[in-house]
Amino acid sequence: MAKLSKETKQRLQQLFQCGQFVIRWGFIPTVLYLVCFGAEEHLHPTSPSLMKIM
């Protein structure tokens, strides 16, 4: 395994922490957006729209 300097390890750790933050706080809003706005044309015409339900 390649040896990494202390500075490189800190940068990688910070990068992974930022990635975890983005995934944790961005996943649910992205799913809600896709459910509410992205799939409306794919819904069956007789099925109620999520926007109407909410």
C-alpha atoms as a PDB file:
ATOM      1  CA  MET A   1       0.000   0.000   0.000  1.00  0.00           C
ATOM      2  CA  ALA A   2       1.272   3.459  -0.849  1.00  0.00           C
ATOM      3  CA  LYS A   3       2.311   5.663   2.017  1.00  0.00           C
ATOM      4  CA  LEU A   4       0.382   8.893   2.297  1.00  0.00           C
ATOM      5  CA  SER A   5       1.559  12.016   4.009  1.00  0.00           C
ATOM      6  CA  LYS A   6      -0.351  13.356   6.990  1.00  0.00           C
ATOM      7  CA  GLU A   7      -1.620  16.292   4.919  1.00  0.00           C
ATOM      8  CA  THR A   8      -2.947  13.968   2.202  1.00  0.00           C
ATOM      9  CA  LYS A   9      -4.724  11.828   4.787  1.00  0.00           C
ATOM     10  CA  GLN A  10      -6.369  14.931   6.265  1.00  0.00           C
ATOM     11  CA  ARG A  11      -7.518  16.111   2.836  1.00  0.00           C
ATOM     12  CA  LEU A  12      -8.973  12.705   2.009  1.00  0.00           C
ATOM     13  CA  GLN A  13     -10.732  12.580   5.371  1.00  0.00           C
ATOM     14  CA  GLN A  14     -12.220  16.024   4.780  1.00  0.00           C
ATOM     15  CA  LEU A  15     -13.319  14.994   1.274  1.00  0.00           C
ATOM     16  CA  PHE A  16     -15.083  11.896   2.629  1.00  0.00           C
ATOM     17  CA  GLN A  17     -16.761  13.931   5.370  1.00  0.00           C
ATOM     18  CA  CYS A  18     -18.075  16.408   2.777  1.00  0.00           C
ATOM     19  CA  GLY A  19     -19.335  13.512   0.666  1.00  0.00           C
ATOM     20  CA  GLN A  20     -21.151  11.989   3.626  1.00  0.00           C
ATOM     21  CA  PHE A  21     -22.768  15.360   4.395  1.00  0.00           C
ATOM     22  CA  VAL A  22     -23.992  15.767   0.814  1.00  0.00           C
ATOM     23  CA  ILE A  23     -25.391  12.234   0.700  1.00  0.00           C
ATOM     24  CA  ARG A  24     -27.086  12.481   4.099  1.00  0.00           C
ATOM     25  CA  TRP A  25     -28.729  15.876   3.524  1.00  0.00           C
ATOM     26  CA  GLY A  26     -29.336  15.574  -0.212  1.00  0.00           C
ATOM     27  CA  PHE A  27     -30.792  12.093  -0.594  1.00  0.00           C
ATOM     28  CA  ILE A  28     -34.294  12.625   0.813  1.00  0.00           C
ATOM     29  CA  PRO A  29     -34.922  15.984  -0.917  1.00  0.00           C
ATOM     30  CA  THR A  30     -33.783  14.466  -4.213  1.00  0.00           C
ATOM     31  CA  VAL A  31     -36.122  11.500  -3.812  1.00  0.00           C
ATOM     32  CA  LEU A  32     -39.032  13.777  -2.860  1.00  0.00           C
ATOM     33  CA  TYR A  33     -38.379  16.004  -5.868  1.00  0.00           C
ATOM     34  CA  LEU A  34     -38.303  13.038  -8.234  1.00  0.00           C
ATOM     35  CA  VAL A  35     -41.480  11.580  -6.740  1.00  0.00           C
ATOM     36  CA  CYS A  36     -43.381  14.874  -6.879  1.00  0.00           C
ATOM     37  CA  PHE A  37     -42.162  16.328 -10.164  1.00  0.00           C
ATOM     38  CA  GLY A  38     -40.129  13.780 -12.082  1.00  0.00           C
ATOM     39  CA  ALA A  39     -42.569  10.923 -12.441  1.00  0.00           C
ATOM     40  CA  GLU A  40     -45.865  12.729 -13.113  1.00  0.00           C
ATOM     41  CA  GLU A  41     -45.929  11.898 -16.813  1.00  0.00           C
ATOM     42  CA  HIS A  42     -45.307   8.219 -16.003  1.00  0.00           C
ATOM     43  CA  LEU A  43     -48.215   7.882 -13.579  1.00  0.00           C
ATOM     44  CA  HIS A  44     -51.378   6.164 -14.676  1.00  0.00           C
ATOM     45  CA  PRO A  45     -53.977   8.778 -15.706  1.00  0.00           C
ATOM     46  CA  THR A  46     -56.482   7.560 -13.111  1.00  0.00           C
ATOM     47  CA  SER A  47     -54.007   7.451 -10.226  1.00  0.00           C
ATOM     48  CA  PRO A  48     -54.059  10.488  -7.933  1.00  0.00           C
ATOM     49  CA  SER A  49     -51.144  12.861  -8.175  1.00  0.00           C
ATOM     50  CA  LEU A  50     -48.939  13.216  -5.122  1.00  0.00           C
ATOM     51  CA  MET A  51     -49.212  16.978  -5.393  1.00  0.00           C
ATOM     52  CA  LYS A  52     -53.028  16.709  -5.174  1.00  0.00           C
ATOM     53  CA  ILE A  53     -52.780  14.433  -2.146  1.00  0.00           C
ATOM     54  CA  MET A  54     -50.420  16.747  -0.298  1.00  0.00           C
END
